[in-house]
Amino acid sequence: MSLKVLLVDDDHEALQSTGKILSFSGHEVVQAESGVQALGMIESVKPDLIVTDVRMPGMSGMEFMEACSKRGHRIPFIVMTAHAGWQDAVWAMKLGAVDFLEKPFKRQALLDGVEQIGKRVRPPHVSGSAANSLVGSSRVMAELRMLIEQIARTEASVLLTGESGTGKEQVARLIHERSPCAKGPFVALNCAAIPAELIESELFGFEAGAFTGAGRAKTGLIESAHGGTLLLDEIGDMPLSLQPKLLRVLEEQQVRRLGSNSERKVEVRVIAATHQNLGKLVQEGRFRQDLYYRLDVMTLALPALRDRMEDIPELTQYFLQRFSKVHAKPIRGIDTEAQALLLGHHWPGNVRELSNALERAVVLNQGGLIACNDLPPHLVSRASPGQDSSGKIVIPLGMSLKEMEDLMFRRALEASGGDRAEAARLLGVAERTIYRWITKTKEG
């Protein structure tokens, strides 16, 4: 889905590189090097989305957003900053930003944010795009597709379980595309990626004056998904205090904005997804039992990639063809040694890790045939320092506690292809712990 994007950044080099990422992905990009310049361009450009830096001379990104709001421009924002902090994130979200990216951000993080906004700006119709991403001829995948077809025709709530990277969002999209509400919007929220104090306003929206900084009303994601599907990813990380309100939405199909005394009728199908054991969270008092039972009407357990290794050759060809088009690289295929490395890897990051590895290979390849040296180092050299051939982390004698911690975080991020949620799962810690370690490492 192509959007018209107004990109604002006073750093010329960052402006150009971010512009190329968006342009190469099919979006129309208009650039501005200051908030003042961008403000004067909005009427003529009429963007679907604004992507802006925070710290700019003359008019900051926050001041630019406030000025847009005062002029009545109801345009979604993605905010970028090299000086990330929760206070900036909270303030940006309250001003209407729908995503907050810390520089340097991963290319896919930006494109995922733009895609989510695109679904809200221009709701999709049935396209089969999600079906194309569920690649694999194994028995478990055939059974999964059959269950999806059966579930999609109903209006029942669905709970998707499985490790990170197994394709839960793709399955949710496919259920939506095969459902009676396929012509409505598909809206997704990752409960683990947004600070707890922001989730309520993101989901339920708010009225003008509901809290300090709420200069105008904002439609929540539940209302945005009216007539369609709402995916609540990583539902296990939803704050306990918010769970009764979500339960009421599921049972009554009504939503009340923050600061409002009235309820609004909504018709929305909720799909929840998690890599955690919700039953165990209920026993530990970290998840409401009544909400768990309400979500657990239909459960789909997605298989890990290591449980369907026979699908790897088919997945490899799919991703090579896809990334060959995205990066305009004439890739003919993959040699036998490189394919053997893919078949011999444990894939803790599942299909997402395989996708990242093959995209890297396409970008680096020079001869048209993917070879071993095009693949990520952790695949080629499984017995690298600090890690043995089974993928276990080796701790040399004499290491300090801090050095051991740094080694574990680095190896987990390498194994997950840089995916913070998956690295957190591998280590058994919260995603925010990974974020804090990365921030501390950059500052040090």
Protein backbone atom coordinates (compact mmCIF):
# COMPACT_ATOMS: atom_id res chain seq x y z
CA MET A 1 0.00 0.00 0.00
CA SER A 2 1.57 3.26 -1.17
CA LEU A 3 1.31 6.37 1.03
CA LYS A 4 2.31 9.98 0.51
CA VAL A 5 4.82 10.69 3.28
CA LEU A 6 6.10 14.10 4.42
CA LEU A 7 9.57 13.47 5.87
CA VAL A 8 11.04 16.14 8.17
CA ASP A 9 14.64 16.13 9.46
CA ASP A 10 17.32 18.83 9.71
CA ASP A 11 20.07 16.19 9.25
CA HIS A 12 20.50 16.07 5.47
CA GLU A 13 22.18 12.65 5.44
CA ALA A 14 19.47 11.10 7.65
CA LEU A 15 16.79 12.76 5.52
CA GLN A 16 18.18 11.19 2.35
CA SER A 17 18.70 7.70 3.79
CA THR A 18 15.24 7.56 5.42
CA GLY A 19 13.72 8.90 2.22
CA LYS A 20 15.33 6.08 0.22
CA ILE A 21 13.99 3.43 2.60
CA LEU A 22 10.45 4.74 2.11
CA SER A 23 10.80 5.36 -1.65
CA PHE A 24 12.24 1.89 -2.34
CA SER A 25 9.25 0.43 -0.52
CA GLY A 26 6.85 2.14 -2.92
CA HIS A 27 5.87 5.25 -0.97
CA GLU A 28 5.80 8.77 -2.37
CA VAL A 29 8.15 10.91 -0.28
CA VAL A 30 8.27 14.71 0.05
CA GLN A 31 11.16 16.08 2.12
CA ALA A 32 11.49 19.11 4.39
CA GLU A 33 14.56 20.17 6.38
CA SER A 34 12.73 22.03 9.16
CA GLY A 35 9.43 22.08 10.98
CA VAL A 36 8.68 25.57 9.66
CA GLN A 37 9.24 24.45 6.06
CA ALA A 38 7.10 21.36 6.56
CA LEU A 39 4.27 23.37 8.12
CA GLY A 40 4.11 25.52 5.02
CA MET A 41 3.98 22.48 2.74
CA ILE A 42 1.10 20.55 4.32
CA GLU A 43 -1.72 22.26 2.42
CA SER A 44 -0.12 21.64 -0.97
CA VAL A 45 1.34 18.19 -0.27
CA LYS A 46 -1.66 16.77 1.61
CA PRO A 47 0.34 13.87 3.12
CA ASP A 48 -1.16 10.63 4.42
CA LEU A 49 1.59 10.47 7.04
CA ILE A 50 4.28 12.70 8.56
CA VAL A 51 7.60 11.26 9.76
CA THR A 52 9.51 13.86 11.79
CA ASP A 53 12.66 14.20 13.86
CA VAL A 54 12.26 15.63 17.39
CA ARG A 55 15.29 17.87 17.92
CA MET A 56 15.47 20.46 15.15
CA PRO A 57 16.52 24.12 15.31
CA GLY A 58 13.84 26.81 15.16
CA MET A 59 10.84 24.52 15.59
CA SER A 60 11.20 21.15 17.29
CA GLY A 61 9.26 18.10 16.21
CA MET A 62 6.96 18.45 19.23
CA GLU A 63 6.28 22.11 18.42
CA PHE A 64 5.63 21.13 14.81
CA MET A 65 3.06 18.55 15.94
CA GLU A 66 1.37 21.09 18.23
CA ALA A 67 1.23 23.63 15.37
CA CYS A 68 -0.36 21.04 13.07
CA SER A 69 -2.94 20.23 15.72
CA LYS A 70 -3.83 23.92 16.25
CA ARG A 71 -4.35 24.33 12.50
CA GLY A 72 -6.72 21.37 12.44
CA HIS A 73 -4.48 18.98 10.49
CA ARG A 74 -5.49 15.44 11.47
CA ILE A 75 -2.48 13.59 10.08
CA PRO A 76 -0.81 10.58 11.76
CA PHE A 77 2.80 11.10 12.90
CA ILE A 78 5.79 8.84 13.35
CA VAL A 79 8.40 10.51 15.56
CA MET A 80 12.16 9.80 15.28
CA THR A 81 14.87 10.82 17.73
CA ALA A 82 18.48 10.03 18.53
CA HIS A 83 17.84 11.10 22.14
CA ALA A 84 15.16 8.66 23.19
CA GLY A 85 13.49 8.84 26.56
CA TRP A 86 10.15 7.68 27.95
CA GLN A 87 9.12 11.29 28.67
CA ASP A 88 9.58 12.22 25.00
CA ALA A 89 7.71 9.07 23.95
CA VAL A 90 4.79 9.77 26.28
CA TRP A 91 4.56 13.41 25.21
CA ALA A 92 4.73 12.48 21.51
CA MET A 93 1.96 9.91 21.89
CA LYS A 94 -0.22 12.39 23.74
CA LEU A 95 0.26 14.86 20.89
CA GLY A 96 -1.02 12.24 18.47
CA ALA A 97 2.05 10.30 17.35
CA VAL A 98 1.27 6.69 16.51
CA ASP A 99 4.85 5.43 16.65
CA PHE A 100 8.14 6.47 18.25
CA LEU A 101 11.47 5.32 16.77
CA GLU A 102 14.88 5.59 18.40
CA LYS A 103 17.72 6.42 16.00
CA PRO A 104 19.43 4.49 14.61
CA PHE A 105 16.33 2.40 13.94
CA LYS A 106 16.04 -0.76 11.89
CA ARG A 107 14.66 -0.35 8.37
CA GLN A 108 11.89 -2.86 9.07
CA ALA A 109 10.80 -1.04 12.24
CA LEU A 110 10.04 2.08 10.18
CA LEU A 111 8.28 0.14 7.42
CA ASP A 112 6.18 -1.81 9.95
CA GLY A 113 5.02 1.46 11.50
CA VAL A 114 4.16 2.93 8.11
CA GLU A 115 2.29 -0.23 7.14
CA GLN A 116 0.15 -0.11 10.29
CA ILE A 117 -0.76 3.51 9.59
CA GLY A 118 -1.55 2.58 6.01
CA LYS A 119 -4.09 0.03 7.19
CA ARG A 120 -5.82 2.74 9.22
CA VAL A 121 -5.68 5.40 6.50
CA ARG A 122 -6.76 3.07 3.69
CA PRO A 123 -8.41 -0.10 5.02
CA PRO A 124 -7.42 -3.12 2.91
CA HIS A 125 -9.70 -5.37 0.91
CA VAL A 126 -9.15 -9.08 0.44
CA SER A 127 -5.87 -9.44 -1.42
CA GLY A 128 -4.44 -12.79 -0.44
CA SER A 129 -1.25 -11.08 0.71
CA ALA A 130 -1.29 -12.77 4.10
CA ALA A 131 -1.91 -16.18 2.50
CA ASN A 132 1.18 -15.72 0.36
CA SER A 133 3.32 -15.30 3.49
CA LEU A 134 2.15 -18.61 5.05
CA VAL A 135 4.61 -20.66 3.05
CA GLY A 136 5.18 -24.38 3.62
CA SER A 137 3.87 -27.73 2.42
CA SER A 138 4.52 -29.65 5.65
CA ARG A 139 1.71 -31.52 7.38
CA VAL A 140 1.55 -29.04 10.28
CA MET A 141 1.18 -26.11 7.89
CA ALA A 142 -1.54 -27.88 5.91
CA GLU A 143 -3.44 -28.48 9.16
CA LEU A 144 -2.91 -24.86 10.20
CA ARG A 145 -4.35 -23.53 6.94
CA MET A 146 -7.37 -25.83 7.28
CA LEU A 147 -8.07 -24.56 10.82
CA ILE A 148 -7.68 -20.95 9.68
CA GLU A 149 -10.31 -21.44 6.98
CA GLN A 150 -12.73 -22.94 9.53
CA ILE A 151 -12.16 -20.27 12.17
CA ALA A 152 -12.23 -17.33 9.79
CA ARG A 153 -15.86 -17.91 8.82
CA THR A 154 -16.97 -17.39 12.43
CA GLU A 155 -16.96 -14.27 14.62
CA ALA A 156 -15.34 -16.00 17.59
CA SER A 157 -12.38 -14.47 19.41
CA VAL A 158 -9.09 -16.18 18.57
CA LEU A 159 -5.96 -16.73 20.67
CA LEU A 160 -2.75 -17.30 18.70
CA THR A 161 0.10 -18.92 20.61
CA GLY A 162 3.65 -19.75 19.60
CA GLU A 163 7.21 -18.56 19.84
CA SER A 164 8.22 -15.11 18.59
CA GLY A 165 8.85 -15.06 14.88
CA THR A 166 6.46 -17.88 13.98
CA GLY A 167 4.12 -15.61 12.01
CA LYS A 168 1.27 -14.83 14.41
CA GLU A 169 0.49 -11.49 12.77
CA GLN A 170 0.42 -13.11 9.31
CA VAL A 171 -2.05 -15.70 10.59
CA ALA A 172 -4.19 -12.95 12.14
CA ARG A 173 -4.22 -11.09 8.81
CA LEU A 174 -5.22 -14.25 6.96
CA ILE A 175 -8.09 -14.88 9.38
CA HIS A 176 -9.20 -11.28 8.77
CA GLU A 177 -8.95 -11.59 4.98
CA ARG A 178 -11.03 -14.79 5.02
CA SER A 179 -13.65 -13.42 7.44
CA PRO A 180 -17.00 -11.68 6.83
CA CYS A 181 -15.37 -8.40 8.00
CA ALA A 182 -12.60 -8.55 5.37
CA LYS A 183 -13.63 -5.20 3.88
CA GLY A 184 -13.13 -3.51 7.24
CA PRO A 185 -9.79 -2.38 8.71
CA PHE A 186 -7.13 -4.59 10.24
CA VAL A 187 -5.56 -2.79 13.21
CA ALA A 188 -2.67 -4.18 15.29
CA LEU A 189 -1.19 -3.18 18.65
CA ASN A 190 1.90 -4.72 20.27
CA CYS A 191 1.18 -4.50 24.00
CA ALA A 192 4.85 -5.06 24.88
CA ALA A 193 6.15 -2.27 22.66
CA ILE A 194 4.21 0.61 24.24
CA PRO A 195 4.75 1.99 27.77
CA ALA A 196 2.05 0.81 30.17
CA GLU A 197 0.83 4.36 30.79
CA LEU A 198 0.10 4.84 27.08
CA ILE A 199 -1.72 1.62 26.20
CA GLU A 200 -5.09 2.76 27.58
CA SER A 201 -5.17 5.99 25.58
CA GLU A 202 -3.97 4.14 22.46
CA LEU A 203 -6.70 1.51 22.75
CA PHE A 204 -9.63 3.56 24.00
CA GLY A 205 -8.76 7.05 22.75
CA PHE A 206 -9.58 10.20 24.68
CA GLU A 207 -11.63 13.39 24.61
CA ALA A 208 -10.12 16.86 24.43
CA GLY A 209 -9.06 17.97 27.91
CA ALA A 210 -9.00 14.43 29.33
CA PHE A 211 -5.49 15.08 30.66
CA THR A 212 -2.74 17.66 30.39
CA GLY A 213 -1.67 17.96 26.75
CA ALA A 214 -4.88 16.48 25.31
CA GLY A 215 -5.67 19.49 23.16
CA ARG A 216 -7.89 17.54 20.80
CA ALA A 217 -9.81 14.28 20.87
CA LYS A 218 -8.17 11.12 19.62
CA THR A 219 -9.84 8.00 18.24
CA GLY A 220 -8.55 4.84 19.91
CA LEU A 221 -7.50 1.70 18.07
CA ILE A 222 -10.65 -0.16 19.14
CA GLU A 223 -12.82 2.44 17.42
CA SER A 224 -10.42 2.51 14.45
CA ALA A 225 -10.99 -1.23 14.02
CA HIS A 226 -14.80 -0.84 13.91
CA GLY A 227 -16.20 -3.18 11.28
CA GLY A 228 -12.92 -5.10 11.11
CA THR A 229 -10.34 -6.89 13.20
CA LEU A 230 -8.18 -5.80 16.14
CA LEU A 231 -4.99 -7.77 16.81
CA LEU A 232 -3.64 -7.46 20.34
CA ASP A 233 -0.12 -8.86 20.04
CA GLU A 234 1.76 -9.90 23.19
CA ILE A 235 -1.50 -9.76 25.16
CA GLY A 236 0.31 -11.24 28.16
CA ASP A 237 2.03 -7.88 28.67
CA MET A 238 -1.21 -5.93 28.95
CA PRO A 239 -1.39 -4.19 32.37
CA LEU A 240 -3.72 -5.91 34.86
CA SER A 241 -5.52 -2.62 35.50
CA LEU A 242 -6.59 -2.41 31.86
CA GLN A 243 -7.78 -5.98 31.44
CA PRO A 244 -11.30 -5.47 32.95
CA LYS A 245 -11.93 -2.64 30.45
CA LEU A 246 -10.90 -4.88 27.55
CA LEU A 247 -13.16 -7.64 28.89
CA ARG A 248 -16.09 -5.22 28.85
CA VAL A 249 -15.38 -4.33 25.22
CA LEU A 250 -15.37 -8.02 24.31
CA GLU A 251 -18.59 -8.75 26.17
CA GLU A 252 -20.58 -5.57 25.50
CA GLN A 253 -19.04 -4.38 22.21
CA GLN A 254 -18.89 -0.87 23.64
CA VAL A 255 -15.97 1.47 24.27
CA ARG A 256 -15.62 4.57 26.44
CA ARG A 257 -12.93 7.12 25.64
CA LEU A 258 -10.84 8.58 28.46
CA GLY A 259 -12.59 11.69 29.77
CA SER A 260 -15.98 10.71 28.33
CA ASN A 261 -19.19 9.89 30.16
CA SER A 262 -20.78 8.03 27.26
CA GLU A 263 -20.06 4.76 25.50
CA ARG A 264 -19.77 4.16 21.78
CA LYS A 265 -20.97 1.02 20.02
CA VAL A 266 -18.26 -0.89 18.17
CA GLU A 267 -18.33 -4.05 16.09
CA VAL A 268 -14.87 -5.53 16.14
CA ARG A 269 -13.37 -9.00 16.14
CA VAL A 270 -10.48 -9.35 18.57
CA ILE A 271 -7.55 -11.66 17.89
CA ALA A 272 -5.00 -11.97 20.70
CA ALA A 273 -1.48 -13.32 20.30
CA THR A 274 1.25 -14.26 22.77
CA HIS A 275 4.46 -16.27 23.10
CA GLN A 276 3.75 -16.68 26.83
CA ASN A 277 1.72 -19.33 28.66
CA LEU A 278 -1.41 -17.39 29.63
CA GLY A 279 -2.66 -20.24 31.82
CA LYS A 280 0.52 -19.99 33.87
CA LEU A 281 0.18 -16.20 34.06
CA VAL A 282 -3.36 -16.68 35.41
CA GLN A 283 -2.04 -19.01 38.14
CA GLU A 284 0.62 -16.43 39.05
CA GLY A 285 -1.99 -13.67 39.29
CA ARG A 286 -0.49 -11.75 36.36
CA PHE A 287 -3.47 -12.22 33.99
CA ARG A 288 -7.20 -12.20 34.68
CA GLN A 289 -8.86 -15.59 34.47
CA ASP A 290 -12.14 -14.21 33.09
CA LEU A 291 -10.34 -12.40 30.27
CA TYR A 292 -8.29 -15.51 29.51
CA TYR A 293 -11.45 -17.62 29.13
CA ARG A 294 -13.07 -14.92 26.97
CA LEU A 295 -10.07 -14.83 24.61
CA ASP A 296 -9.52 -18.59 24.60
CA VAL A 297 -12.63 -19.40 22.53
CA MET A 298 -10.52 -20.69 19.64
CA THR A 299 -6.80 -21.31 20.06
CA LEU A 300 -4.26 -21.81 17.29
CA ALA A 301 -0.77 -22.96 18.25
CA LEU A 302 1.76 -21.96 15.60
CA PRO A 303 4.64 -24.39 15.07
CA ALA A 304 8.27 -23.38 15.58
CA LEU A 305 10.41 -23.50 12.45
CA ARG A 306 12.57 -26.28 13.92
CA ASP A 307 9.39 -28.42 14.02
CA ARG A 308 8.88 -28.05 10.26
CA MET A 309 12.41 -28.04 8.87
CA GLU A 310 11.13 -29.60 5.63
CA ASP A 311 9.62 -26.20 4.79
CA ILE A 312 12.98 -24.38 4.80
CA PRO A 313 13.80 -24.91 1.08
CA GLU A 314 10.36 -23.59 0.09
CA LEU A 315 10.63 -20.67 2.51
CA THR A 316 14.12 -19.92 1.19
CA GLN A 317 12.90 -19.65 -2.39
CA TYR A 318 9.97 -17.48 -1.32
CA PHE A 319 12.15 -15.01 0.58
CA LEU A 320 14.84 -14.90 -2.12
CA GLN A 321 12.25 -14.02 -4.76
CA ARG A 322 10.66 -11.43 -2.49
CA PHE A 323 13.89 -9.68 -1.49
CA SER A 324 15.27 -9.92 -5.01
CA LYS A 325 12.39 -7.68 -6.12
CA VAL A 326 12.59 -5.36 -3.11
CA HIS A 327 16.33 -4.71 -3.53
CA ALA A 328 16.42 -5.01 -7.35
CA LYS A 329 19.02 -7.81 -7.17
CA PRO A 330 18.90 -10.63 -9.80
CA ILE A 331 19.20 -13.62 -7.46
CA ARG A 332 19.19 -17.02 -9.23
CA GLY A 333 19.06 -19.20 -6.15
CA ILE A 334 21.20 -20.59 -3.33
CA ASP A 335 24.13 -23.04 -3.50
CA THR A 336 24.05 -26.42 -1.77
CA GLU A 337 26.49 -25.52 1.02
CA ALA A 338 24.54 -22.43 2.00
CA GLN A 339 21.27 -24.38 1.89
CA ALA A 340 22.85 -27.02 4.14
CA LEU A 341 23.73 -24.32 6.68
CA LEU A 342 20.11 -23.18 6.73
CA LEU A 343 18.90 -26.76 7.24
CA GLY A 344 21.41 -27.33 10.04
CA HIS A 345 20.54 -24.25 12.09
CA HIS A 346 18.24 -24.43 15.13
CA TRP A 347 16.37 -21.18 14.24
CA PRO A 348 15.53 -19.80 17.71
CA GLY A 349 14.10 -16.73 15.97
CA ASN A 350 11.94 -18.91 13.69
CA VAL A 351 10.69 -17.61 10.32
CA ARG A 352 11.56 -14.00 11.22
CA GLU A 353 15.20 -14.98 11.77
CA LEU A 354 15.27 -16.87 8.46
CA SER A 355 13.74 -13.87 6.67
CA ASN A 356 16.32 -11.49 8.16
CA ALA A 357 19.19 -13.84 7.26
CA LEU A 358 18.07 -14.15 3.65
CA GLU A 359 17.44 -10.43 3.22
CA ARG A 360 20.99 -9.78 4.43
CA ALA A 361 22.26 -12.40 1.97
CA VAL A 362 20.44 -10.77 -0.95
CA VAL A 363 21.79 -7.32 -0.06
CA LEU A 364 25.40 -8.57 0.20
CA ASN A 365 25.37 -10.98 -2.74
CA GLN A 366 27.38 -10.03 -5.84
CA GLY A 367 27.14 -13.05 -8.14
CA GLY A 368 23.44 -13.88 -8.24
CA LEU A 369 23.81 -17.18 -6.34
CA ILE A 370 23.61 -17.04 -2.53
CA ALA A 371 26.72 -18.55 -0.93
CA CYS A 372 27.86 -19.23 2.64
CA ASN A 373 29.73 -15.94 2.93
CA ASP A 374 26.49 -14.05 2.21
CA LEU A 375 24.82 -15.51 5.31
CA PRO A 376 25.07 -14.01 8.84
CA PRO A 377 28.28 -14.90 10.69
CA HIS A 378 26.48 -16.83 13.44
CA LEU A 379 25.22 -19.29 10.82
CA VAL A 380 28.56 -19.73 9.09
CA SER A 381 30.65 -19.98 12.27
CA ARG A 382 28.56 -21.76 14.86
CA ALA A 383 31.55 -22.35 17.08
CA SER A 384 32.52 -18.67 17.32
CA PRO A 385 34.14 -17.40 20.58
CA GLY A 386 31.61 -17.47 23.41
CA GLN A 387 29.31 -19.97 21.70
CA ASP A 388 29.63 -23.70 21.02
CA SER A 389 28.32 -25.67 18.05
CA SER A 390 25.00 -26.42 19.76
CA GLY A 391 24.24 -22.73 20.13
CA LYS A 392 24.88 -22.71 23.89
CA ILE A 393 26.73 -19.76 25.38
CA VAL A 394 30.16 -20.65 26.76
CA ILE A 395 31.29 -18.60 29.79
CA PRO A 396 35.12 -18.59 30.13
CA LEU A 397 36.56 -18.75 33.66
CA GLY A 398 37.58 -15.37 35.03
CA MET A 399 34.72 -13.37 33.45
CA SER A 400 33.14 -10.70 35.65
CA LEU A 401 29.37 -10.64 36.18
CA LYS A 402 29.04 -7.57 33.95
CA GLU A 403 31.06 -9.24 31.19
CA MET A 404 28.86 -12.34 31.44
CA GLU A 405 25.73 -10.19 31.23
CA ASP A 406 27.05 -8.33 28.19
CA LEU A 407 27.97 -11.60 26.48
CA MET A 408 24.53 -13.11 27.06
CA PHE A 409 22.71 -10.04 25.77
CA ARG A 410 24.94 -9.84 22.67
CA ARG A 411 24.55 -13.55 21.85
CA ALA A 412 20.77 -13.42 22.34
CA LEU A 413 20.47 -10.43 19.99
CA GLU A 414 22.69 -12.16 17.42
CA ALA A 415 20.65 -15.37 17.62
CA SER A 416 17.40 -13.43 17.20
CA GLY A 417 18.65 -11.40 14.25
CA GLY A 418 18.41 -8.22 16.30
CA ASP A 419 14.79 -8.79 17.34
CA ARG A 420 14.47 -7.47 20.91
CA ALA A 421 11.30 -9.39 21.77
CA GLU A 422 12.85 -12.68 20.68
CA ALA A 423 16.13 -11.93 22.49
CA ALA A 424 14.11 -11.28 25.65
CA ARG A 425 12.31 -14.59 25.23
CA LEU A 426 15.59 -16.48 24.78
CA LEU A 427 16.96 -15.00 28.00
CA GLY A 428 13.71 -15.21 29.94
CA VAL A 429 13.61 -11.48 30.68
CA ALA A 430 11.25 -8.62 29.86
CA GLU A 431 11.72 -6.80 26.54
CA ARG A 432 12.26 -3.58 28.49
CA THR A 433 15.35 -5.20 30.08
CA ILE A 434 16.87 -5.63 26.61
CA TYR A 435 15.99 -2.02 25.78
CA ARG A 436 17.66 -0.74 28.96
CA TRP A 437 20.81 -2.78 28.28
CA ILE A 438 21.08 -1.44 24.71
CA THR A 439 20.58 2.12 25.98
CA LYS A 440 23.18 1.66 28.73
CA THR A 441 25.66 0.17 26.23
CA LYS A 442 25.25 3.11 23.84
CA GLU A 443 25.72 5.61 26.65
CA GLY A 444 28.81 3.76 27.91
